Amino acid sequence: MDPIFQIPFYERLIPENKLLFWNPAVNQLGWPVLIMSYFVKKNNWYIGLKNPKWLGDFKKKAYSLNYKGRTSMEKTWEGLVSYANFFLEKEKIILIHREVDILEKRNYRNIPLHNLASRVKKHTGCLLFFDPSHSYGPKMKEKIVPATLKAIKISENEFLYDGILVEVVTSKTDSEQHISLKDLKEMVKELSKFRMIQKREI
């Protein structure tokens, strides 16, 4: 489906500041992001940009802190920001690290590459969210909460991740990568010990 047909339906239902649209990781084209950003601007919502599923280089090489190049994943992800930025200020654009699907992933559904996400955040100046559900579920579902807390602690001069996009309870799709409400409550409790829990003001 094209967002130009999907999104208008929500304009009558969702108030300002109450909706975060994001692109599917399998769709890394600029046109849908441009259309989404138009409606986001019109309704004062937010847009999330998920990274591509591929990497474009060897993990060991690309993940090194000494890596001087830019993978095709990074270039594509940053390219989507330029489309969203046509209508939107950076404050309305949120990068979502949903990890990559590569041979080295082993039991991961998709393997997280925090260094690469950090580089894209620095290059674009956008907020960055971590999506642990697409990384640890379903084979490592029990690690979603501890791994999320570990990722949220990553910091140099400031914390790497500005937020979390995590799947909770159940649905007919991807149910094996969802955490429970009890898990969420415990995660937020632990998170509040070292990070300020913020609520967006309307």
N, C-alpha and C. Protein backbone atom coordinates (compact mmCIF):
# COMPACT_ATOMS: atom_id res chain seq x y z
N MET A 1 0.83 -1.21 0.00
CA MET A 1 0.00 0.00 0.00
C MET A 1 0.86 1.25 0.00
N ASP A 2 0.33 2.32 -0.54
CA ASP A 2 1.01 3.60 -0.57
C ASP A 2 0.51 4.46 0.58
N PRO A 3 1.42 5.09 1.34
CA PRO A 3 0.96 5.93 2.47
C PRO A 3 0.02 7.05 2.07
N ILE A 4 0.03 7.45 0.80
CA ILE A 4 -0.87 8.52 0.36
C ILE A 4 -2.33 8.07 0.47
N PHE A 5 -2.57 6.75 0.43
CA PHE A 5 -3.93 6.22 0.59
C PHE A 5 -4.21 5.79 2.04
N GLN A 6 -3.18 5.39 2.75
CA GLN A 6 -3.37 4.87 4.11
C GLN A 6 -3.52 5.96 5.17
N ILE A 7 -2.66 6.97 5.10
CA ILE A 7 -2.55 7.93 6.21
C ILE A 7 -3.76 8.84 6.38
N PRO A 8 -4.41 9.33 5.31
CA PRO A 8 -5.54 10.25 5.51
C PRO A 8 -6.62 9.71 6.46
N PHE A 9 -6.80 8.41 6.49
CA PHE A 9 -7.78 7.80 7.40
C PHE A 9 -7.50 8.17 8.86
N TYR A 10 -6.21 8.23 9.22
CA TYR A 10 -5.83 8.50 10.62
C TYR A 10 -5.93 9.97 10.99
N GLU A 11 -6.00 10.83 9.99
CA GLU A 11 -6.07 12.27 10.28
C GLU A 11 -7.31 12.62 11.10
N ARG A 12 -8.37 11.87 10.90
CA ARG A 12 -9.63 12.14 11.62
C ARG A 12 -9.67 11.48 12.99
N LEU A 13 -8.71 10.62 13.27
CA LEU A 13 -8.77 9.81 14.49
C LEU A 13 -7.68 10.14 15.51
N ILE A 14 -6.50 10.53 15.05
CA ILE A 14 -5.35 10.70 15.94
C ILE A 14 -5.01 12.17 16.11
N PRO A 15 -5.00 12.68 17.35
CA PRO A 15 -4.68 14.10 17.58
C PRO A 15 -3.20 14.41 17.38
N GLU A 16 -2.86 15.68 17.42
CA GLU A 16 -1.47 16.12 17.26
C GLU A 16 -0.57 15.50 18.33
N ASN A 17 0.67 15.24 17.92
CA ASN A 17 1.70 14.72 18.83
C ASN A 17 1.44 13.32 19.36
N LYS A 18 0.42 12.65 18.85
CA LYS A 18 0.03 11.35 19.40
C LYS A 18 0.34 10.17 18.47
N LEU A 19 1.08 10.41 17.40
CA LEU A 19 1.31 9.32 16.46
C LEU A 19 2.75 9.34 15.94
N LEU A 20 3.35 8.16 15.91
CA LEU A 20 4.67 7.98 15.31
C LEU A 20 4.53 6.99 14.16
N PHE A 21 4.63 7.48 12.94
CA PHE A 21 4.66 6.61 11.76
C PHE A 21 6.10 6.17 11.52
N TRP A 22 6.28 4.94 11.02
CA TRP A 22 7.63 4.55 10.60
C TRP A 22 7.55 3.70 9.35
N ASN A 23 8.66 3.69 8.63
CA ASN A 23 8.76 2.91 7.41
C ASN A 23 9.10 1.46 7.75
N PRO A 24 8.61 0.49 6.98
CA PRO A 24 9.07 -0.88 7.17
C PRO A 24 10.52 -1.00 6.70
N ALA A 25 11.30 -1.84 7.37
CA ALA A 25 12.72 -1.96 7.04
C ALA A 25 12.95 -2.46 5.61
N VAL A 26 11.96 -3.17 5.07
CA VAL A 26 12.10 -3.69 3.70
C VAL A 26 11.80 -2.63 2.65
N ASN A 27 11.31 -1.47 3.06
CA ASN A 27 11.03 -0.38 2.12
C ASN A 27 11.93 0.80 2.45
N GLN A 28 12.97 0.96 1.65
CA GLN A 28 13.95 2.02 1.89
C GLN A 28 13.92 3.06 0.76
N LEU A 29 12.74 3.26 0.19
CA LEU A 29 12.59 4.22 -0.90
C LEU A 29 12.24 5.60 -0.36
N GLY A 30 12.71 6.62 -1.03
CA GLY A 30 12.49 7.98 -0.57
C GLY A 30 11.07 8.47 -0.73
N TRP A 31 10.38 8.05 -1.80
CA TRP A 31 9.04 8.57 -2.09
C TRP A 31 8.05 8.31 -0.95
N PRO A 32 7.92 7.07 -0.44
CA PRO A 32 6.98 6.86 0.67
C PRO A 32 7.32 7.69 1.90
N VAL A 33 8.61 7.87 2.17
CA VAL A 33 9.03 8.68 3.32
C VAL A 33 8.65 10.14 3.10
N LEU A 34 8.78 10.61 1.87
CA LEU A 34 8.39 11.99 1.55
C LEU A 34 6.90 12.20 1.78
N ILE A 35 6.08 11.24 1.34
CA ILE A 35 4.63 11.32 1.53
C ILE A 35 4.29 11.26 3.02
N MET A 36 4.92 10.34 3.74
CA MET A 36 4.68 10.23 5.18
C MET A 36 5.03 11.53 5.90
N SER A 37 6.16 12.11 5.53
CA SER A 37 6.61 13.33 6.21
C SER A 37 5.67 14.50 5.93
N TYR A 38 5.05 14.51 4.74
CA TYR A 38 4.07 15.57 4.43
C TYR A 38 2.90 15.51 5.41
N PHE A 39 2.35 14.31 5.62
CA PHE A 39 1.22 14.16 6.53
C PHE A 39 1.64 14.37 7.99
N VAL A 40 2.85 13.96 8.32
CA VAL A 40 3.37 14.19 9.67
C VAL A 40 3.46 15.68 9.96
N LYS A 41 3.95 16.43 8.99
CA LYS A 41 4.04 17.88 9.12
C LYS A 41 2.64 18.49 9.28
N LYS A 42 1.73 18.06 8.43
CA LYS A 42 0.36 18.59 8.42
C LYS A 42 -0.35 18.38 9.75
N ASN A 43 -0.07 17.26 10.42
CA ASN A 43 -0.79 16.89 11.64
C ASN A 43 0.06 16.98 12.91
N ASN A 44 1.27 17.51 12.76
CA ASN A 44 2.17 17.66 13.92
C ASN A 44 2.40 16.33 14.63
N TRP A 45 2.71 15.28 13.84
CA TRP A 45 3.04 13.97 14.38
C TRP A 45 4.56 13.80 14.36
N TYR A 46 5.00 12.53 14.38
CA TYR A 46 6.42 12.21 14.30
C TYR A 46 6.62 11.13 13.24
N ILE A 47 7.83 11.08 12.68
CA ILE A 47 8.16 10.02 11.73
C ILE A 47 9.38 9.26 12.25
N GLY A 48 9.29 7.94 12.18
CA GLY A 48 10.42 7.09 12.54
C GLY A 48 11.00 6.47 11.28
N LEU A 49 12.32 6.44 11.21
CA LEU A 49 13.00 5.89 10.05
C LEU A 49 13.84 4.68 10.48
N LYS A 50 13.38 3.51 10.08
CA LYS A 50 14.11 2.28 10.41
C LYS A 50 15.25 2.07 9.42
N ASN A 51 16.37 1.55 9.94
CA ASN A 51 17.51 1.27 9.07
C ASN A 51 17.21 0.08 8.16
N PRO A 52 17.90 -0.01 7.02
CA PRO A 52 17.73 -1.17 6.13
C PRO A 52 18.15 -2.46 6.83
N LYS A 53 17.69 -3.59 6.30
CA LYS A 53 18.03 -4.89 6.89
C LYS A 53 19.44 -5.34 6.52
N TRP A 54 20.00 -4.79 5.45
CA TRP A 54 21.33 -5.22 5.02
C TRP A 54 22.41 -4.36 5.68
N LEU A 55 23.68 -4.75 5.48
CA LEU A 55 24.79 -3.97 6.02
C LEU A 55 25.63 -3.36 4.92
N GLY A 56 26.09 -4.19 3.97
CA GLY A 56 26.86 -3.65 2.85
C GLY A 56 28.36 -3.73 3.03
N ASP A 57 28.82 -4.40 4.08
CA ASP A 57 30.25 -4.60 4.31
C ASP A 57 30.38 -5.72 5.34
N PHE A 58 31.61 -6.17 5.56
CA PHE A 58 31.82 -7.20 6.57
C PHE A 58 31.63 -6.61 7.96
N LYS A 59 30.91 -7.33 8.83
CA LYS A 59 30.59 -6.81 10.16
C LYS A 59 31.84 -6.45 10.95
N LYS A 60 32.82 -7.34 10.97
CA LYS A 60 34.03 -7.09 11.76
C LYS A 60 34.72 -5.81 11.32
N LYS A 61 34.72 -5.56 10.03
CA LYS A 61 35.36 -4.35 9.49
C LYS A 61 34.51 -3.11 9.78
N ALA A 62 33.22 -3.19 9.47
CA ALA A 62 32.34 -2.02 9.58
C ALA A 62 32.08 -1.62 11.02
N TYR A 63 32.13 -2.59 11.95
CA TYR A 63 31.79 -2.31 13.34
C TYR A 63 32.97 -1.72 14.12
N SER A 64 34.14 -1.77 13.54
CA SER A 64 35.33 -1.24 14.21
C SER A 64 35.21 0.26 14.44
N LEU A 65 35.71 0.72 15.59
CA LEU A 65 35.71 2.16 15.88
C LEU A 65 36.66 2.91 14.96
N ASN A 66 37.57 2.16 14.31
CA ASN A 66 38.54 2.78 13.40
C ASN A 66 38.06 2.79 11.95
N TYR A 67 36.86 2.27 11.71
CA TYR A 67 36.31 2.21 10.35
C TYR A 67 36.09 3.62 9.82
N LYS A 68 36.68 3.93 8.69
CA LYS A 68 36.62 5.29 8.13
C LYS A 68 35.57 5.43 7.03
N GLY A 69 35.06 4.32 6.54
CA GLY A 69 34.09 4.39 5.45
C GLY A 69 32.67 4.54 5.97
N ARG A 70 31.72 4.34 5.07
CA ARG A 70 30.31 4.36 5.41
C ARG A 70 29.64 3.23 4.66
N THR A 71 28.99 2.34 5.37
CA THR A 71 28.33 1.21 4.73
C THR A 71 27.12 1.69 3.93
N SER A 72 26.65 0.83 3.02
CA SER A 72 25.47 1.20 2.24
C SER A 72 24.23 1.30 3.14
N MET A 73 24.25 0.56 4.27
CA MET A 73 23.16 0.69 5.23
C MET A 73 23.12 2.10 5.79
N GLU A 74 24.27 2.63 6.19
CA GLU A 74 24.34 3.98 6.75
C GLU A 74 23.94 5.03 5.72
N LYS A 75 24.45 4.88 4.50
CA LYS A 75 24.14 5.86 3.45
C LYS A 75 22.64 5.89 3.14
N THR A 76 22.04 4.70 3.07
CA THR A 76 20.60 4.63 2.77
C THR A 76 19.78 5.22 3.91
N TRP A 77 20.13 4.89 5.13
CA TRP A 77 19.42 5.39 6.31
C TRP A 77 19.49 6.91 6.36
N GLU A 78 20.69 7.45 6.16
CA GLU A 78 20.86 8.90 6.16
C GLU A 78 20.12 9.54 4.98
N GLY A 79 20.06 8.82 3.86
CA GLY A 79 19.33 9.33 2.70
C GLY A 79 17.85 9.51 2.98
N LEU A 80 17.28 8.58 3.75
CA LEU A 80 15.87 8.71 4.12
C LEU A 80 15.62 9.96 4.96
N VAL A 81 16.59 10.31 5.79
CA VAL A 81 16.47 11.52 6.60
C VAL A 81 16.34 12.75 5.71
N SER A 82 17.09 12.76 4.61
CA SER A 82 17.03 13.92 3.71
C SER A 82 15.64 14.08 3.09
N TYR A 83 14.95 12.95 2.82
CA TYR A 83 13.58 13.03 2.30
C TYR A 83 12.62 13.53 3.37
N ALA A 84 12.73 13.00 4.59
CA ALA A 84 11.86 13.43 5.67
C ALA A 84 12.10 14.89 6.02
N ASN A 85 13.36 15.31 5.92
CA ASN A 85 13.75 16.67 6.28
C ASN A 85 13.24 17.71 5.28
N PHE A 86 12.73 17.25 4.14
CA PHE A 86 12.16 18.18 3.15
C PHE A 86 10.97 18.93 3.74
N PHE A 87 10.15 18.21 4.52
CA PHE A 87 8.98 18.83 5.16
C PHE A 87 9.17 19.07 6.66
N LEU A 88 10.04 18.29 7.29
CA LEU A 88 10.09 18.26 8.74
C LEU A 88 11.38 18.81 9.32
N GLU A 89 11.26 19.37 10.52
CA GLU A 89 12.44 19.72 11.31
C GLU A 89 13.01 18.44 11.90
N LYS A 90 14.30 18.46 12.22
CA LYS A 90 14.95 17.27 12.76
C LYS A 90 14.28 16.76 14.04
N GLU A 91 13.68 17.67 14.80
CA GLU A 91 13.04 17.27 16.07
C GLU A 91 11.87 16.32 15.86
N LYS A 92 11.32 16.28 14.65
CA LYS A 92 10.18 15.41 14.35
C LYS A 92 10.62 14.10 13.69
N ILE A 93 11.93 13.94 13.48
CA ILE A 93 12.45 12.74 12.80
C ILE A 93 13.19 11.89 13.82
N ILE A 94 12.80 10.62 13.93
CA ILE A 94 13.41 9.71 14.89
C ILE A 94 14.01 8.51 14.15
N LEU A 95 15.30 8.32 14.29
CA LEU A 95 15.95 7.13 13.75
C LEU A 95 15.60 5.94 14.63
N ILE A 96 15.32 4.79 14.02
CA ILE A 96 15.00 3.58 14.78
C ILE A 96 15.97 2.48 14.36
N HIS A 97 16.84 2.07 15.29
CA HIS A 97 17.80 1.00 14.99
C HIS A 97 17.12 -0.35 15.21
N ARG A 98 16.74 -0.99 14.09
CA ARG A 98 16.05 -2.28 14.16
C ARG A 98 17.00 -3.41 13.73
N GLU A 99 18.30 -3.09 13.73
CA GLU A 99 19.36 -4.05 13.53
C GLU A 99 19.42 -4.57 12.09
N VAL A 100 20.37 -5.49 11.80
CA VAL A 100 20.57 -5.95 10.43
C VAL A 100 20.54 -7.48 10.35
N ASP A 101 20.16 -7.97 9.19
CA ASP A 101 20.03 -9.40 8.94
C ASP A 101 21.23 -9.86 8.12
N ILE A 102 22.25 -10.38 8.81
CA ILE A 102 23.49 -10.80 8.15
C ILE A 102 23.87 -12.20 8.60
N LEU A 103 24.84 -12.82 7.91
CA LEU A 103 25.23 -14.19 8.21
C LEU A 103 25.71 -14.37 9.64
N GLU A 104 26.36 -13.35 10.20
CA GLU A 104 26.93 -13.47 11.54
C GLU A 104 25.90 -13.35 12.66
N LYS A 105 24.64 -13.28 12.33
CA LYS A 105 23.63 -13.00 13.36
C LYS A 105 23.40 -14.16 14.33
N ARG A 106 23.71 -15.39 13.94
CA ARG A 106 23.51 -16.56 14.79
C ARG A 106 22.07 -16.64 15.31
N ASN A 107 21.88 -16.57 16.65
CA ASN A 107 20.53 -16.69 17.20
C ASN A 107 19.74 -15.39 17.20
N TYR A 108 20.41 -14.30 16.89
CA TYR A 108 19.69 -13.03 16.77
C TYR A 108 18.71 -13.11 15.61
N ARG A 109 17.58 -12.49 15.76
CA ARG A 109 16.72 -12.32 14.59
C ARG A 109 17.39 -11.34 13.63
N ASN A 110 17.87 -10.26 14.19
CA ASN A 110 18.71 -9.28 13.49
C ASN A 110 19.74 -8.80 14.51
N ILE A 111 20.96 -8.60 14.08
CA ILE A 111 22.02 -8.28 15.04
C ILE A 111 22.20 -6.77 15.19
N PRO A 112 22.24 -6.27 16.44
CA PRO A 112 22.40 -4.83 16.65
C PRO A 112 23.83 -4.38 16.38
N LEU A 113 23.96 -3.20 15.80
CA LEU A 113 25.26 -2.59 15.50
C LEU A 113 25.26 -1.17 16.05
N HIS A 114 25.50 -1.06 17.34
CA HIS A 114 25.37 0.23 18.02
C HIS A 114 26.34 1.28 17.49
N ASN A 115 27.55 0.86 17.14
CA ASN A 115 28.53 1.83 16.61
C ASN A 115 28.03 2.50 15.34
N LEU A 116 27.42 1.70 14.45
CA LEU A 116 26.93 2.25 13.20
C LEU A 116 25.74 3.17 13.44
N ALA A 117 24.86 2.77 14.35
CA ALA A 117 23.73 3.63 14.70
C ALA A 117 24.22 4.96 15.26
N SER A 118 25.29 4.89 16.04
CA SER A 118 25.88 6.11 16.61
C SER A 118 26.40 7.04 15.52
N ARG A 119 27.03 6.46 14.50
CA ARG A 119 27.56 7.28 13.41
C ARG A 119 26.44 7.99 12.66
N VAL A 120 25.35 7.28 12.40
CA VAL A 120 24.22 7.89 11.68
C VAL A 120 23.58 8.99 12.53
N LYS A 121 23.47 8.75 13.82
CA LYS A 121 22.92 9.78 14.71
C LYS A 121 23.77 11.04 14.66
N LYS A 122 25.09 10.88 14.70
CA LYS A 122 25.99 12.04 14.68
C LYS A 122 25.92 12.78 13.34
N HIS A 123 25.82 12.01 12.25
CA HIS A 123 25.78 12.63 10.92
C HIS A 123 24.48 13.39 10.66
N THR A 124 23.38 12.90 11.23
CA THR A 124 22.07 13.49 10.92
C THR A 124 21.57 14.47 11.97
N GLY A 125 21.99 14.29 13.21
CA GLY A 125 21.49 15.14 14.29
C GLY A 125 20.09 14.79 14.75
N CYS A 126 19.62 13.59 14.39
CA CYS A 126 18.27 13.15 14.78
C CYS A 126 18.30 12.34 16.08
N LEU A 127 17.15 12.26 16.74
CA LEU A 127 17.02 11.37 17.89
C LEU A 127 17.14 9.92 17.43
N LEU A 128 17.56 9.03 18.34
CA LEU A 128 17.76 7.62 18.01
C LEU A 128 17.05 6.73 19.02
N PHE A 129 16.19 5.83 18.51
CA PHE A 129 15.49 4.85 19.34
C PHE A 129 16.07 3.47 19.06
N PHE A 130 16.00 2.59 20.06
CA PHE A 130 16.45 1.20 19.92
C PHE A 130 15.23 0.29 19.86
N ASP A 131 15.24 -0.65 18.90
CA ASP A 131 14.14 -1.59 18.70
C ASP A 131 14.63 -3.00 19.04
N PRO A 132 14.56 -3.41 20.32
CA PRO A 132 15.10 -4.71 20.71
C PRO A 132 14.25 -5.90 20.26
N SER A 133 12.99 -5.69 20.00
CA SER A 133 12.09 -6.79 19.63
C SER A 133 12.54 -7.47 18.35
N HIS A 134 13.01 -6.68 17.38
CA HIS A 134 13.44 -7.25 16.11
C HIS A 134 14.84 -7.84 16.17
N SER A 135 15.50 -7.69 17.30
CA SER A 135 16.84 -8.22 17.46
C SER A 135 16.84 -9.54 18.23
N TYR A 136 16.17 -9.58 19.37
CA TYR A 136 16.28 -10.71 20.29
C TYR A 136 15.14 -11.72 20.19
N GLY A 137 14.03 -11.33 19.59
CA GLY A 137 12.94 -12.29 19.45
C GLY A 137 13.02 -12.99 18.11
N PRO A 138 12.57 -14.24 18.04
CA PRO A 138 11.97 -15.03 19.11
C PRO A 138 12.95 -15.96 19.85
N LYS A 139 14.15 -16.20 19.28
CA LYS A 139 15.06 -17.20 19.87
C LYS A 139 15.70 -16.74 21.17
N MET A 140 15.78 -15.44 21.39
CA MET A 140 16.40 -14.92 22.61
C MET A 140 15.45 -13.94 23.30
N LYS A 141 14.19 -14.28 23.29
CA LYS A 141 13.16 -13.39 23.85
C LYS A 141 13.44 -13.00 25.29
N GLU A 142 14.00 -13.94 26.07
CA GLU A 142 14.28 -13.67 27.49
C GLU A 142 15.36 -12.61 27.69
N LYS A 143 16.09 -12.29 26.62
CA LYS A 143 17.16 -11.29 26.72
C LYS A 143 16.71 -9.88 26.33
N ILE A 144 15.46 -9.74 25.90
CA ILE A 144 15.00 -8.43 25.43
C ILE A 144 15.14 -7.37 26.52
N VAL A 145 14.67 -7.66 27.72
CA VAL A 145 14.72 -6.66 28.80
C VAL A 145 16.16 -6.36 29.22
N PRO A 146 16.99 -7.37 29.60
CA PRO A 146 18.36 -7.04 30.00
C PRO A 146 19.19 -6.40 28.90
N ALA A 147 19.00 -6.85 27.66
CA ALA A 147 19.76 -6.27 26.55
C ALA A 147 19.35 -4.83 26.28
N THR A 148 18.07 -4.54 26.46
CA THR A 148 17.58 -3.17 26.28
C THR A 148 18.19 -2.25 27.33
N LEU A 149 18.19 -2.70 28.58
CA LEU A 149 18.77 -1.90 29.66
C LEU A 149 20.26 -1.66 29.42
N LYS A 150 20.94 -2.66 28.91
CA LYS A 150 22.37 -2.51 28.60
C LYS A 150 22.58 -1.50 27.48
N ALA A 151 21.75 -1.58 26.44
CA ALA A 151 21.88 -0.65 25.31
C ALA A 151 21.58 0.78 25.72
N ILE A 152 20.60 0.95 26.58
CA ILE A 152 20.20 2.30 27.01
C ILE A 152 21.28 2.94 27.88
N LYS A 153 22.20 2.12 28.42
CA LYS A 153 23.30 2.66 29.22
C LYS A 153 24.48 3.12 28.37
N ILE A 154 24.51 2.73 27.10
CA ILE A 154 25.64 3.09 26.25
C ILE A 154 25.79 4.60 26.20
N SER A 155 27.00 5.06 26.51
CA SER A 155 27.20 6.50 26.61
C SER A 155 28.66 6.85 26.39
N GLU A 156 28.87 7.98 25.71
CA GLU A 156 30.19 8.60 25.65
C GLU A 156 30.06 9.89 26.45
N ASN A 157 29.81 11.00 25.78
CA ASN A 157 29.52 12.24 26.49
C ASN A 157 28.03 12.36 26.82
N GLU A 158 27.22 11.64 26.05
CA GLU A 158 25.78 11.60 26.29
C GLU A 158 25.27 10.23 25.90
N PHE A 159 24.07 9.89 26.36
CA PHE A 159 23.51 8.57 26.05
C PHE A 159 23.29 8.42 24.55
N LEU A 160 23.60 7.22 24.04
CA LEU A 160 23.42 6.96 22.61
C LEU A 160 21.94 6.96 22.24
N TYR A 161 21.14 6.22 22.99
CA TYR A 161 19.72 6.07 22.64
C TYR A 161 18.84 7.04 23.41
N ASP A 162 17.93 7.65 22.67
CA ASP A 162 17.00 8.62 23.25
C ASP A 162 15.67 7.99 23.63
N GLY A 163 15.44 6.77 23.19
CA GLY A 163 14.18 6.11 23.48
C GLY A 163 14.20 4.65 23.04
N ILE A 164 13.10 3.96 23.29
CA ILE A 164 12.95 2.54 22.98
C ILE A 164 11.65 2.34 22.22
N LEU A 165 11.69 1.48 21.21
CA LEU A 165 10.47 1.04 20.52
C LEU A 165 10.39 -0.46 20.73
N VAL A 166 9.58 -0.89 21.68
CA VAL A 166 9.53 -2.31 22.06
C VAL A 166 8.10 -2.82 21.94
N GLU A 167 7.96 -4.06 21.50
CA GLU A 167 6.64 -4.67 21.30
C GLU A 167 6.20 -5.38 22.59
N VAL A 168 4.97 -5.08 23.02
CA VAL A 168 4.47 -5.55 24.31
C VAL A 168 3.14 -6.29 24.13
N VAL A 169 2.92 -7.31 24.97
CA VAL A 169 1.73 -8.16 25.00
C VAL A 169 1.71 -9.07 23.77
N THR A 170 0.59 -9.27 23.11
CA THR A 170 0.52 -10.24 22.02
C THR A 170 -0.23 -9.67 20.83
N SER A 171 0.00 -10.26 19.70
CA SER A 171 -0.76 -9.96 18.49
C SER A 171 -0.70 -11.20 17.61
N LYS A 172 -1.36 -11.16 16.50
CA LYS A 172 -1.37 -12.31 15.61
C LYS A 172 -0.07 -12.44 14.81
N THR A 173 0.73 -11.38 14.80
CA THR A 173 2.00 -11.42 14.09
C THR A 173 3.13 -11.12 15.05
N ASP A 174 4.27 -11.75 14.85
CA ASP A 174 5.49 -11.49 15.64
C ASP A 174 5.28 -11.71 17.13
N SER A 175 4.32 -12.53 17.53
CA SER A 175 3.98 -12.66 18.95
C SER A 175 5.13 -13.20 19.79
N GLU A 176 6.04 -13.97 19.19
CA GLU A 176 7.13 -14.55 19.95
C GLU A 176 8.24 -13.55 20.26
N GLN A 177 8.12 -12.34 19.77
CA GLN A 177 9.13 -11.33 20.10
C GLN A 177 8.55 -10.23 20.99
N HIS A 178 7.37 -10.47 21.54
CA HIS A 178 6.74 -9.49 22.42
C HIS A 178 7.08 -9.78 23.88
N ILE A 179 7.27 -8.74 24.68
CA ILE A 179 7.41 -8.92 26.12
C ILE A 179 6.05 -8.68 26.78
N SER A 180 5.92 -9.09 28.03
CA SER A 180 4.65 -8.92 28.74
C SER A 180 4.58 -7.54 29.39
N LEU A 181 3.39 -7.17 29.84
CA LEU A 181 3.24 -5.92 30.58
C LEU A 181 4.06 -5.94 31.87
N LYS A 182 4.16 -7.11 32.48
CA LYS A 182 4.98 -7.26 33.68
C LYS A 182 6.45 -6.99 33.36
N ASP A 183 6.92 -7.54 32.24
CA ASP A 183 8.30 -7.28 31.80
C ASP A 183 8.53 -5.80 31.56
N LEU A 184 7.57 -5.17 30.91
CA LEU A 184 7.68 -3.74 30.61
C LEU A 184 7.77 -2.92 31.90
N LYS A 185 6.92 -3.25 32.85
CA LYS A 185 6.92 -2.54 34.14
C LYS A 185 8.27 -2.67 34.82
N GLU A 186 8.83 -3.88 34.82
CA GLU A 186 10.13 -4.10 35.45
C GLU A 186 11.24 -3.36 34.71
N MET A 187 11.15 -3.36 33.39
CA MET A 187 12.16 -2.67 32.60
C MET A 187 12.15 -1.16 32.87
N VAL A 188 10.96 -0.58 32.93
CA VAL A 188 10.84 0.85 33.20
C VAL A 188 11.34 1.17 34.61
N LYS A 189 11.04 0.30 35.56
CA LYS A 189 11.51 0.49 36.94
C LYS A 189 13.03 0.52 36.99
N GLU A 190 13.67 -0.43 36.32
CA GLU A 190 15.14 -0.48 36.31
C GLU A 190 15.72 0.70 35.53
N LEU A 191 15.07 1.03 34.44
CA LEU A 191 15.53 2.14 33.60
C LEU A 191 15.52 3.46 34.37
N SER A 192 14.52 3.63 35.21
CA SER A 192 14.37 4.89 35.95
C SER A 192 15.47 5.10 36.99
N LYS A 193 16.24 4.04 37.27
CA LYS A 193 17.32 4.16 38.24
C LYS A 193 18.53 4.92 37.69
N PHE A 194 18.64 4.96 36.35
CA PHE A 194 19.80 5.65 35.77
C PHE A 194 19.45 6.59 34.62
N ARG A 195 18.20 6.59 34.20
CA ARG A 195 17.76 7.52 33.16
C ARG A 195 16.47 8.22 33.60
N MET A 196 16.33 9.47 33.19
CA MET A 196 15.10 10.20 33.47
C MET A 196 14.01 9.72 32.52
N ILE A 197 12.89 9.30 33.06
CA ILE A 197 11.75 8.88 32.24
C ILE A 197 10.95 10.13 31.90
N GLN A 198 10.86 10.42 30.62
CA GLN A 198 10.21 11.65 30.19
C GLN A 198 8.89 11.36 29.48
N LYS A 199 7.96 12.25 29.68
CA LYS A 199 6.67 12.21 28.98
C LYS A 199 6.61 13.41 28.06
N ARG A 200 6.28 13.19 26.81
CA ARG A 200 6.16 14.30 25.87
C ARG A 200 4.95 15.15 26.22
N GLU A 201 5.16 16.44 26.29
CA GLU A 201 4.06 17.36 26.57
C GLU A 201 3.28 17.66 25.30
N ILE A 202 1.99 17.72 25.40
CA ILE A 202 1.13 18.01 24.25
C ILE A 202 0.99 19.52 24.08
